């Protein structure tokens, strides 16, 4: 993108806006000045006439006089009297000179004829360069028509327009000069941070992540810079996670594959016709193959959860039924290996969630307890109502425990404890899956542990 064109576009748009503003000023101040002036004057005279009528009702003749002097309007209040020679105007109050009244006699008569019971506003040319605006209204007071006449001279505007035109020419020239200066300055300020972003973006596109987008300039540029910096941080996190995944997966996969390979060779070379040894070797191969399958499935599930592509099927089910199933399985599978399991649960606890995923959470917690029980292989699984009247599931072991620094990271993806050992059960990434599922349902969870005394993992179904 040619950023110089952006600079010129900003300059042109800024100048165009000011040109439009100046054009509007010219139209309003020059071409439409007379019309605007007449409209304002008309409203003024009409307002004066209405105030005169109000003052007359209040017998406030001093107010009428002050109003006439302040606005420059001539005010005459009169009635029509009959005489042998015809009708004549009987002046009740006037701010005009006697000579002006005589001169306005024809206007008063014409207004009487036109007015009737209505009001009228009209422009009358009295002299070549002057225009007179008259406004009148009639009121019936004590069965008699009282006429309110207001007269104002509209001053000629030619000289005013000339002054305005000359002034606007100067303002326009100065404005154009200022506009050019401001547009150049603003265009540089706008385009400079964008050009800097472009240069940094080119480096980013080549894979250089050791760059920082400066959050300066306009708010939009700052927001874009922050977004790009955040993206770089996420890319770096993704690369770190990728390295961890490769390391952990290579470690987790290597062990069962090595065992499978070793026992396959034993089966080929040493078992021979010894049926008992062959069965033992085949059993170990089957267990390691099963462990490998669990690891791969857990890795796939964790990847889906982290990418937010995992689908959850919500249903109502009794969690106690699941605990009974687990109790039978783990006692049958591990009590022969020295483990002791204690399951405590109520008769019924209905939960609305994905049954498969919740059972996966409970299984992973129990497997974790099995893996870290060490010499004391007593494991407790308890579902109960806590002091906050909410159901809580605790999985407790008396094993090696977890250090304080590891407790803060134990649920992180691909984290390995500083006292980690090869898993007896599960895939070794179960706690990361537990975190993803429980966070999806907003269930509270955590761990309480002490080195050498064991751990308690808990879930609060609130």
Protein backbone atom coordinates (compact mmCIF):
# COMPACT_ATOMS: atom_id res chain seq x y z
CA UNK A 1 0.00 0.00 0.00
CA UNK A 2 1.27 3.47 -0.88
CA UNK A 3 1.01 5.38 2.38
CA UNK A 4 1.88 8.65 0.67
CA UNK A 5 -1.51 8.39 -1.02
CA UNK A 6 -3.11 8.11 2.41
CA UNK A 7 -1.41 11.35 3.40
CA UNK A 8 -2.69 13.13 0.32
CA UNK A 9 -6.18 11.75 0.76
CA UNK A 10 -6.27 13.04 4.33
CA UNK A 11 -5.10 16.45 3.16
CA UNK A 12 -7.67 16.61 0.37
CA UNK A 13 -10.54 15.50 2.60
CA UNK A 14 -9.60 17.98 5.28
CA UNK A 15 -9.38 20.79 2.71
CA UNK A 16 -12.68 19.68 1.15
CA UNK A 17 -14.43 19.93 4.51
CA UNK A 18 -13.18 23.48 5.04
CA UNK A 19 -14.09 24.47 1.48
CA UNK A 20 -17.64 23.27 2.08
CA UNK A 21 -17.74 25.24 5.34
CA UNK A 22 -16.57 28.42 3.57
CA UNK A 23 -19.13 27.92 0.79
CA UNK A 24 -21.90 27.66 3.36
CA UNK A 25 -20.69 30.84 5.04
CA UNK A 26 -20.68 32.64 1.68
CA UNK A 27 -24.19 31.46 0.87
CA UNK A 28 -25.58 32.42 4.27
CA UNK A 29 -23.77 35.73 4.65
CA UNK A 30 -23.94 37.05 1.08
CA UNK A 31 -26.57 35.41 -1.12
CA UNK A 32 -29.18 34.87 1.59
CA UNK A 33 -28.30 37.81 3.80
CA UNK A 34 -31.27 39.94 2.69
CA UNK A 35 -33.72 37.12 3.17
CA UNK A 36 -32.37 36.27 6.61
CA UNK A 37 -32.36 39.92 7.63
CA UNK A 38 -35.96 40.42 6.47
CA UNK A 39 -37.10 37.30 8.34
CA UNK A 40 -35.45 38.45 11.55
CA UNK A 41 -36.88 41.96 11.18
CA UNK A 42 -40.37 40.62 10.44
CA UNK A 43 -40.33 38.48 13.57
CA UNK A 44 -39.05 41.43 15.57
CA UNK A 45 -41.80 43.79 14.42
CA UNK A 46 -44.47 41.14 15.01
CA UNK A 47 -43.13 40.56 18.52
CA UNK A 48 -43.09 44.31 19.23
CA UNK A 49 -46.68 44.65 18.09
CA UNK A 50 -47.81 41.81 20.34
CA UNK A 51 -46.01 43.34 23.32
CA UNK A 52 -47.62 46.71 22.58
CA UNK A 53 -51.03 45.06 22.70
CA UNK A 54 -50.18 43.49 26.06
CA UNK A 55 -48.82 46.74 27.49
CA UNK A 56 -51.94 48.60 26.33
CA UNK A 57 -54.15 46.10 28.17
CA UNK A 58 -52.08 46.83 31.28
CA UNK A 59 -52.16 50.64 30.68
CA UNK A 60 -48.36 50.49 30.67
CA UNK A 61 -47.64 53.32 28.22
CA UNK A 62 -44.14 53.83 29.59
CA UNK A 63 -43.37 50.22 28.59
CA UNK A 64 -44.61 50.93 25.05
CA UNK A 65 -42.38 54.01 24.82
CA UNK A 66 -39.30 52.13 26.06
CA UNK A 67 -40.02 49.31 23.64
CA UNK A 68 -40.32 51.72 20.74
CA UNK A 69 -37.05 53.46 21.60
CA UNK A 70 -35.11 50.24 22.09
CA UNK A 71 -36.28 48.62 18.82
CA UNK A 72 -36.52 51.72 16.61
CA UNK A 73 -40.14 50.92 15.75
CA UNK A 74 -42.91 53.51 15.43
CA UNK A 75 -45.97 52.54 17.45
CA UNK A 76 -49.44 54.07 16.98
CA UNK A 77 -52.61 53.04 18.80
CA UNK A 78 -55.83 54.56 17.45
CA UNK A 79 -59.55 54.14 16.89
CA UNK A 80 -61.69 55.17 13.93
CA UNK A 81 -64.14 58.01 14.44
CA UNK A 82 -66.96 59.21 12.18
CA UNK A 83 -67.40 62.83 11.10
CA UNK A 84 -69.42 64.76 8.54
CA UNK A 85 -66.47 64.62 6.17
CA UNK A 86 -65.99 60.88 6.74
CA UNK A 87 -63.81 58.63 8.91
CA UNK A 88 -60.63 59.77 10.65
CA UNK A 89 -58.08 58.20 13.01
CA UNK A 90 -58.39 59.17 16.64
CA UNK A 91 -54.89 58.67 18.16
CA UNK A 92 -54.94 57.07 21.62
CA UNK A 93 -51.16 56.76 21.94
CA UNK A 94 -48.24 57.31 19.60
CA UNK A 95 -44.46 57.28 19.61
CA UNK A 96 -44.33 59.05 16.21
CA UNK A 97 -43.85 62.75 15.62
CA UNK A 98 -46.87 64.77 14.48
CA UNK A 99 -45.46 65.17 10.99
CA UNK A 100 -44.89 61.44 10.77
CA UNK A 101 -48.49 60.77 11.81
CA UNK A 102 -49.73 63.07 9.05
CA UNK A 103 -47.41 61.37 6.57
CA UNK A 104 -48.61 57.94 7.73
CA UNK A 105 -52.27 58.87 7.49
CA UNK A 106 -52.68 57.13 4.14
CA UNK A 107 -50.99 54.01 5.53
CA UNK A 108 -53.33 53.95 8.51
CA UNK A 109 -56.36 54.23 6.29
CA UNK A 110 -55.10 51.51 3.98
CA UNK A 111 -54.35 49.29 6.97
CA UNK A 112 -57.87 49.79 8.34
CA UNK A 113 -59.35 48.74 5.01
CA UNK A 114 -57.13 45.63 4.76
CA UNK A 115 -57.10 44.61 8.36
CA UNK A 116 -60.65 43.91 9.34
CA UNK A 117 -60.31 41.46 12.18
CA UNK A 118 -57.01 39.93 10.92
CA UNK A 119 -53.35 40.87 11.24
CA UNK A 120 -51.20 41.86 8.31
CA UNK A 121 -47.48 42.17 7.53
CA UNK A 122 -46.25 43.79 4.36
CA UNK A 123 -43.27 45.58 2.85
CA UNK A 124 -43.94 49.02 1.37
CA UNK A 125 -41.43 50.97 -0.71
CA UNK A 126 -41.42 54.52 0.58
CA UNK A 127 -38.19 55.75 -0.94
CA UNK A 128 -35.77 54.48 -3.52
CA UNK A 129 -33.32 52.94 -1.06
CA UNK A 130 -35.55 52.28 1.93
CA UNK A 131 -38.12 49.62 2.70
CA UNK A 132 -40.76 49.97 5.38
CA UNK A 133 -42.19 47.01 7.24
CA UNK A 134 -45.66 47.48 8.72
CA UNK A 135 -47.54 45.23 11.07
CA UNK A 136 -51.03 45.78 12.42
CA UNK A 137 -53.70 44.09 14.44
CA UNK A 138 -57.14 45.06 15.69
CA UNK A 139 -58.65 44.35 19.09
CA UNK A 140 -62.22 44.85 20.24
CA UNK A 141 -62.23 46.71 23.54
CA UNK A 142 -65.57 47.85 25.01
CA UNK A 143 -67.35 47.16 21.71
CA UNK A 144 -64.87 49.41 19.90
CA UNK A 145 -62.11 48.46 17.43
CA UNK A 146 -58.69 49.50 18.69
CA UNK A 147 -55.92 49.35 16.07
CA UNK A 148 -52.31 48.55 16.95
CA UNK A 149 -49.94 49.82 14.25
CA UNK A 150 -46.19 49.12 14.21
CA UNK A 151 -43.83 50.52 11.62
CA UNK A 152 -40.08 49.85 11.10
CA UNK A 153 -37.67 50.92 8.44
CA UNK A 154 -35.58 48.10 7.02
CA UNK A 155 -32.12 49.54 6.48
CA UNK A 156 -30.48 48.97 3.08
CA UNK A 157 -28.06 46.00 3.14
CA UNK A 158 -25.94 46.67 0.07
CA UNK A 159 -23.10 48.23 2.00
CA UNK A 160 -23.31 45.52 4.64
CA UNK A 161 -23.03 42.83 1.98
CA UNK A 162 -20.00 44.56 0.49
CA UNK A 163 -18.30 44.65 3.88
CA UNK A 164 -19.14 41.02 4.49
CA UNK A 165 -17.87 39.99 1.05
CA UNK A 166 -14.55 41.76 1.58
CA UNK A 167 -14.21 40.26 5.06
CA UNK A 168 -15.03 36.77 3.79
CA UNK A 169 -12.44 37.04 1.03
CA UNK A 170 -9.76 37.73 3.64
CA UNK A 171 -11.09 34.98 5.93
CA UNK A 172 -11.17 32.51 3.03
CA UNK A 173 -7.58 33.21 2.00
CA UNK A 174 -6.30 32.96 5.55
CA UNK A 175 -8.42 29.85 6.11
CA UNK A 176 -7.02 28.15 3.02
CA UNK A 177 -3.46 28.82 4.12
CA UNK A 178 -4.18 27.52 7.62
CA UNK A 179 -6.00 24.54 6.09
CA UNK A 180 -3.01 23.55 3.99
CA UNK A 181 -0.67 23.81 6.98
CA UNK A 182 -2.99 21.85 9.27
CA UNK A 183 -3.75 19.19 6.66
CA UNK A 184 -0.04 18.58 6.05
CA UNK A 185 0.61 18.37 9.79
CA UNK A 186 -2.37 16.08 10.47
CA UNK A 187 -1.70 13.84 7.48
CA UNK A 188 1.86 13.28 8.67
CA UNK A 189 0.68 12.48 12.19
CA UNK A 190 -1.87 10.01 10.85
CA UNK A 191 0.30 8.31 8.24
CA UNK A 192 3.51 8.09 10.29
CA UNK A 193 2.29 5.49 12.86
CA UNK A 194 0.60 3.53 10.06
CA UNK A 195 3.85 3.43 8.09
CA UNK A 196 5.67 2.25 11.22
CA UNK A 197 3.06 -0.47 11.72
CA UNK A 198 3.52 -1.54 8.11
CA UNK A 199 7.29 -1.89 8.51
CA UNK A 200 6.89 -3.91 11.70
CA UNK A 201 4.20 -6.05 10.07
CA UNK A 202 6.61 -6.91 7.23
CA UNK A 203 9.11 -8.19 9.81
CA UNK A 204 6.34 -10.15 11.52
CA UNK A 205 5.31 -11.76 8.22
CA UNK A 206 8.88 -13.05 7.86
CA UNK A 207 8.61 -14.86 11.21
CA UNK A 208 10.36 -12.32 13.42
CA UNK A 209 8.51 -12.39 16.75
CA UNK A 210 11.07 -10.27 18.61
CA UNK A 211 9.33 -7.04 17.67
CA UNK A 212 7.00 -4.70 19.50
CA UNK A 213 4.31 -2.52 17.98
CA UNK A 214 4.42 0.90 19.66
CA UNK A 215 1.08 1.98 21.14
CA UNK A 216 1.25 5.65 20.23
CA UNK A 217 -0.73 7.99 18.02
CA UNK A 218 -4.48 7.88 17.49
CA UNK A 219 -6.68 5.54 19.51
CA UNK A 220 -7.39 3.30 16.51
CA UNK A 221 -3.66 2.88 15.86
CA UNK A 222 -3.07 2.21 19.57
CA UNK A 223 -5.79 -0.44 19.58
CA UNK A 224 -4.34 -2.09 16.47
CA UNK A 225 -0.86 -2.06 18.02
CA UNK A 226 -2.16 -3.64 21.22
CA UNK A 227 -3.97 -6.31 19.20
CA UNK A 228 -0.85 -7.13 17.20
CA UNK A 229 1.28 -7.24 20.36
CA UNK A 230 -1.29 -9.56 21.93
CA UNK A 231 -1.21 -11.75 18.81
CA UNK A 232 2.59 -11.98 18.99
CA UNK A 233 2.31 -13.01 22.64
CA UNK A 234 -0.24 -15.70 21.77
CA UNK A 235 1.95 -16.97 18.91
CA UNK A 236 4.88 -17.23 21.31
CA UNK A 237 2.69 -19.07 23.83
CA UNK A 238 1.55 -21.39 21.08
CA UNK A 239 5.14 -22.15 20.12
CA UNK A 240 6.05 -22.80 23.76
CA UNK A 241 3.05 -25.09 24.14
CA UNK A 242 3.98 -26.85 20.93
CA UNK A 243 7.47 -27.52 22.30
CA UNK A 244 6.00 -28.76 25.57
CA UNK A 245 3.54 -30.99 23.73
CA UNK A 246 6.32 -32.50 21.63
CA UNK A 247 8.45 -33.11 24.70
CA UNK A 248 5.63 -34.55 26.81
CA UNK A 249 4.08 -36.59 24.04
CA UNK A 250 7.45 -38.01 23.04
CA UNK A 251 8.02 -38.94 26.67
CA UNK A 252 4.53 -40.38 27.22
CA UNK A 253 4.48 -42.30 23.95
CA UNK A 254 8.03 -43.58 24.19
CA UNK A 255 7.44 -45.47 27.43
CA UNK A 256 4.51 -47.69 26.35
CA UNK A 257 6.03 -48.22 22.93
CA UNK A 258 9.30 -49.31 24.52
CA UNK A 259 7.44 -51.70 26.82
CA UNK A 260 5.41 -53.12 23.94
CA UNK A 261 8.55 -53.58 21.86
CA UNK A 262 10.45 -55.22 24.73
CA UNK A 263 7.73 -57.69 25.63
CA UNK A 264 7.13 -58.50 21.99
CA UNK A 265 10.79 -59.45 21.73
CA UNK A 266 10.49 -61.49 24.95
CA UNK A 267 7.45 -63.17 23.54
CA UNK A 268 9.34 -64.04 20.39
CA UNK A 269 12.64 -65.10 21.97
CA UNK A 270 11.95 -66.48 25.45
CA UNK A 271 8.33 -67.38 26.01
CA UNK A 272 8.43 -70.17 23.51
CA UNK A 273 6.04 -72.89 24.52
CA UNK A 274 5.79 -71.64 28.12
CA UNK A 275 2.09 -70.81 28.18
CA UNK A 276 2.21 -68.98 31.52
CA UNK A 277 5.03 -66.64 30.49
CA UNK A 278 3.39 -66.04 27.14
CA UNK A 279 0.13 -65.06 28.82
CA UNK A 280 1.97 -62.70 31.20
CA UNK A 281 3.81 -61.05 28.33
CA UNK A 282 0.66 -60.75 26.24
CA UNK A 283 -1.16 -59.21 29.21
CA UNK A 284 1.52 -56.57 29.62
CA UNK A 285 1.45 -55.82 25.89
CA UNK A 286 -2.36 -55.46 26.04
CA UNK A 287 -2.13 -53.14 29.07
CA UNK A 288 0.46 -50.92 27.44
CA UNK A 289 -1.51 -50.87 24.21
CA UNK A 290 -4.58 -49.85 26.14
CA UNK A 291 -2.56 -47.17 27.94
CA UNK A 292 -1.32 -45.90 24.58
CA UNK A 293 -4.88 -45.76 23.26
CA UNK A 294 -6.03 -43.81 26.34
CA UNK A 295 -3.14 -41.37 25.93
CA UNK A 296 -3.94 -40.73 22.27
CA UNK A 297 -7.67 -40.27 22.99
CA UNK A 298 -6.94 -37.90 25.87
CA UNK A 299 -4.59 -35.88 23.71
CA UNK A 300 -7.26 -35.58 21.03
CA UNK A 301 -9.89 -34.56 23.61
CA UNK A 302 -7.58 -31.98 25.17
CA UNK A 303 -6.77 -30.50 21.77
CA UNK A 304 -10.48 -30.19 20.93
CA UNK A 305 -11.18 -28.54 24.28
CA UNK A 306 -8.33 -26.07 23.92
CA UNK A 307 -9.49 -25.16 20.40
CA UNK A 308 -13.11 -24.93 21.65
CA UNK A 309 -14.34 -27.51 19.14
CA UNK A 310 -15.44 -30.10 21.69
CA UNK A 311 -19.20 -30.79 21.65
CA UNK A 312 -21.00 -31.28 24.97
CA UNK A 313 -24.24 -33.23 25.25
CA UNK A 314 -26.23 -31.99 28.23
CA UNK A 315 -28.55 -34.40 30.00
CA UNK A 316 -29.85 -35.07 33.48
CA UNK A 317 -28.31 -38.10 35.18
CA UNK A 318 -27.68 -39.46 38.65
CA UNK A 319 -24.02 -38.97 39.53
CA UNK A 320 -24.38 -41.56 42.32
CA UNK A 321 -24.95 -44.28 39.70
CA UNK A 322 -21.63 -43.31 38.12
CA UNK A 323 -19.84 -43.46 41.50
CA UNK A 324 -21.23 -46.94 42.14
CA UNK A 325 -19.89 -48.05 38.78
CA UNK A 326 -16.47 -46.54 39.56
CA UNK A 327 -16.44 -48.17 43.01
CA UNK A 328 -16.94 -51.62 41.51
CA UNK A 329 -14.33 -51.05 38.81
CA UNK A 330 -11.53 -49.63 40.94
CA UNK A 331 -11.97 -52.13 43.76
CA UNK A 332 -11.87 -55.00 41.29
CA UNK A 333 -8.94 -53.55 39.32
CA UNK A 334 -6.66 -52.21 42.06
CA UNK A 335 -7.43 -53.81 45.45
CA UNK A 336 -5.39 -56.83 44.40
CA UNK A 337 -2.46 -54.43 44.00
CA UNK A 338 -2.72 -53.18 47.57
CA UNK A 339 -5.06 -50.21 47.07
CA UNK A 340 -7.98 -49.54 49.42
CA UNK A 341 -10.97 -47.50 48.22
CA UNK A 342 -13.64 -45.81 50.33
CA UNK A 343 -16.67 -44.49 48.46
CA UNK A 344 -19.24 -42.36 50.32
CA UNK A 345 -22.27 -40.92 48.55
CA UNK A 346 -25.95 -40.10 49.09
CA UNK A 347 -28.79 -42.08 47.55
CA UNK A 348 -29.26 -39.64 44.72
CA UNK A 349 -27.74 -36.51 43.14
CA UNK A 350 -29.12 -35.38 39.80
CA UNK A 351 -26.84 -33.22 37.67
CA UNK A 352 -27.45 -31.61 34.27
CA UNK A 353 -24.31 -31.95 32.16
CA UNK A 354 -22.54 -34.19 29.67
CA UNK A 355 -22.48 -37.54 31.46
CA UNK A 356 -19.47 -38.85 29.54
CA UNK A 357 -17.40 -35.72 30.31
CA UNK A 358 -18.32 -35.58 34.01
CA UNK A 359 -17.45 -39.26 34.37
CA UNK A 360 -14.19 -38.50 32.58
CA UNK A 361 -13.47 -35.83 35.22
CA UNK A 362 -14.14 -38.21 38.13
CA UNK A 363 -12.09 -40.98 36.49
CA UNK A 364 -9.12 -38.67 35.95
CA UNK A 365 -9.21 -37.50 39.58
CA UNK A 366 -9.28 -41.08 40.88
CA UNK A 367 -6.51 -42.10 38.47
CA UNK A 368 -4.44 -39.18 39.72
CA UNK A 369 -4.95 -40.38 43.30
CA UNK A 370 -3.89 -43.90 42.27
CA UNK A 371 -0.77 -42.62 40.53
CA UNK A 372 0.47 -40.55 43.50
CA UNK A 373 -0.57 -42.75 46.44
CA UNK A 374 2.98 -44.15 46.93
CA UNK A 375 3.14 -46.55 49.92
CA UNK A 376 -0.10 -45.41 51.56
CA UNK A 377 -2.65 -46.60 49.04
CA UNK A 378 -5.81 -45.51 50.85
CA UNK A 379 -8.06 -43.49 48.55
CA UNK A 380 -11.33 -41.82 49.54
CA UNK A 381 -14.10 -40.64 47.20
CA UNK A 382 -16.87 -38.69 48.91
CA UNK A 383 -19.97 -36.88 47.55
CA UNK A 384 -21.75 -34.79 50.19
CA UNK A 385 -23.44 -31.48 51.00
CA UNK A 386 -20.94 -29.01 52.41
CA UNK A 387 -21.52 -26.16 54.86
CA UNK A 388 -22.63 -23.91 51.99
CA UNK A 389 -25.46 -26.37 51.21
CA UNK A 390 -23.95 -27.29 47.85
CA UNK A 391 -22.90 -30.73 46.70
CA UNK A 392 -19.16 -31.32 46.77
CA UNK A 393 -17.10 -34.23 45.48
CA UNK A 394 -13.75 -34.89 47.21
CA UNK A 395 -11.09 -37.31 45.99
CA UNK A 396 -8.48 -37.77 48.73
CA UNK A 397 -5.23 -39.73 48.77
CA UNK A 398 -2.55 -40.18 51.44
CA UNK A 399 0.31 -40.13 48.99
CA UNK A 400 3.32 -37.97 48.20
CA UNK A 401 1.44 -34.66 48.09
CA UNK A 402 2.00 -31.60 45.91
CA UNK A 403 4.30 -28.67 46.64
CA UNK A 404 2.82 -25.18 46.95
CA UNK A 405 4.47 -23.96 43.74
CA UNK A 406 3.15 -26.98 41.84
CA UNK A 407 -0.39 -26.55 43.20
CA UNK A 408 -0.72 -23.32 41.24
CA UNK A 409 0.17 -25.10 37.98
CA UNK A 410 -1.14 -28.62 38.51
CA UNK A 411 -4.17 -28.05 36.23
CA UNK A 412 -2.18 -26.32 33.49
CA UNK A 413 -1.96 -28.05 30.16
CA UNK A 414 1.05 -30.36 29.82
CA UNK A 415 2.39 -29.49 33.27
CA UNK A 416 4.49 -32.14 34.94
CA UNK A 417 4.99 -32.11 38.70
CA UNK A 418 8.49 -31.87 40.09
CA UNK A 419 7.79 -35.23 41.81
CA UNK A 420 6.06 -36.78 38.80
CA UNK A 421 6.30 -40.49 38.14
CA UNK A 422 5.09 -42.78 35.41
CA UNK A 423 1.31 -43.06 35.56
CA UNK A 424 -0.11 -46.32 36.89
CA UNK A 425 -3.52 -45.35 35.48
CA UNK A 426 -4.62 -42.86 32.87
CA UNK A 427 -2.64 -40.85 30.37
CA UNK A 428 -0.78 -38.34 32.54
CA UNK A 429 -2.69 -35.32 31.16
CA UNK A 430 -5.95 -35.98 32.98
CA UNK A 431 -5.90 -32.88 35.21
CA UNK A 432 -5.66 -30.57 32.19
CA UNK A 433 -8.79 -32.26 30.81
CA UNK A 434 -10.48 -31.90 34.21
CA UNK A 435 -9.83 -28.15 34.14
CA UNK A 436 -11.22 -27.71 30.62
CA UNK A 437 -14.46 -29.59 31.37
CA UNK A 438 -15.14 -27.99 34.75
CA UNK A 439 -14.44 -24.48 33.41
CA UNK A 440 -16.93 -25.16 30.61
CA UNK A 441 -19.65 -25.76 33.23
CA UNK A 442 -18.38 -23.04 35.60
CA UNK A 443 -18.01 -25.57 38.43
CA UNK A 444 -15.63 -24.53 41.21
CA UNK A 445 -12.67 -26.84 41.69
CA UNK A 446 -9.25 -26.92 43.32
CA UNK A 447 -6.69 -28.84 45.31
CA UNK A 448 -5.47 -28.87 48.90
CA UNK A 449 -2.22 -30.68 49.50
CA UNK A 450 0.85 -31.04 51.69
CA UNK A 451 4.09 -32.78 50.84
CA UNK A 452 4.23 -36.25 52.37
CA UNK A 453 0.64 -36.17 53.63
CA UNK A 454 -1.43 -36.47 50.46
CA UNK A 455 -3.84 -34.37 48.44
CA UNK A 456 -7.53 -33.55 48.24
CA UNK A 457 -9.05 -32.59 44.90
CA UNK A 458 -12.54 -31.13 45.16
CA UNK A 459 -15.41 -30.11 42.86
CA UNK A 460 -18.32 -27.93 43.97
CA UNK A 461 -21.47 -28.42 41.93
CA UNK A 462 -23.12 -25.03 42.46
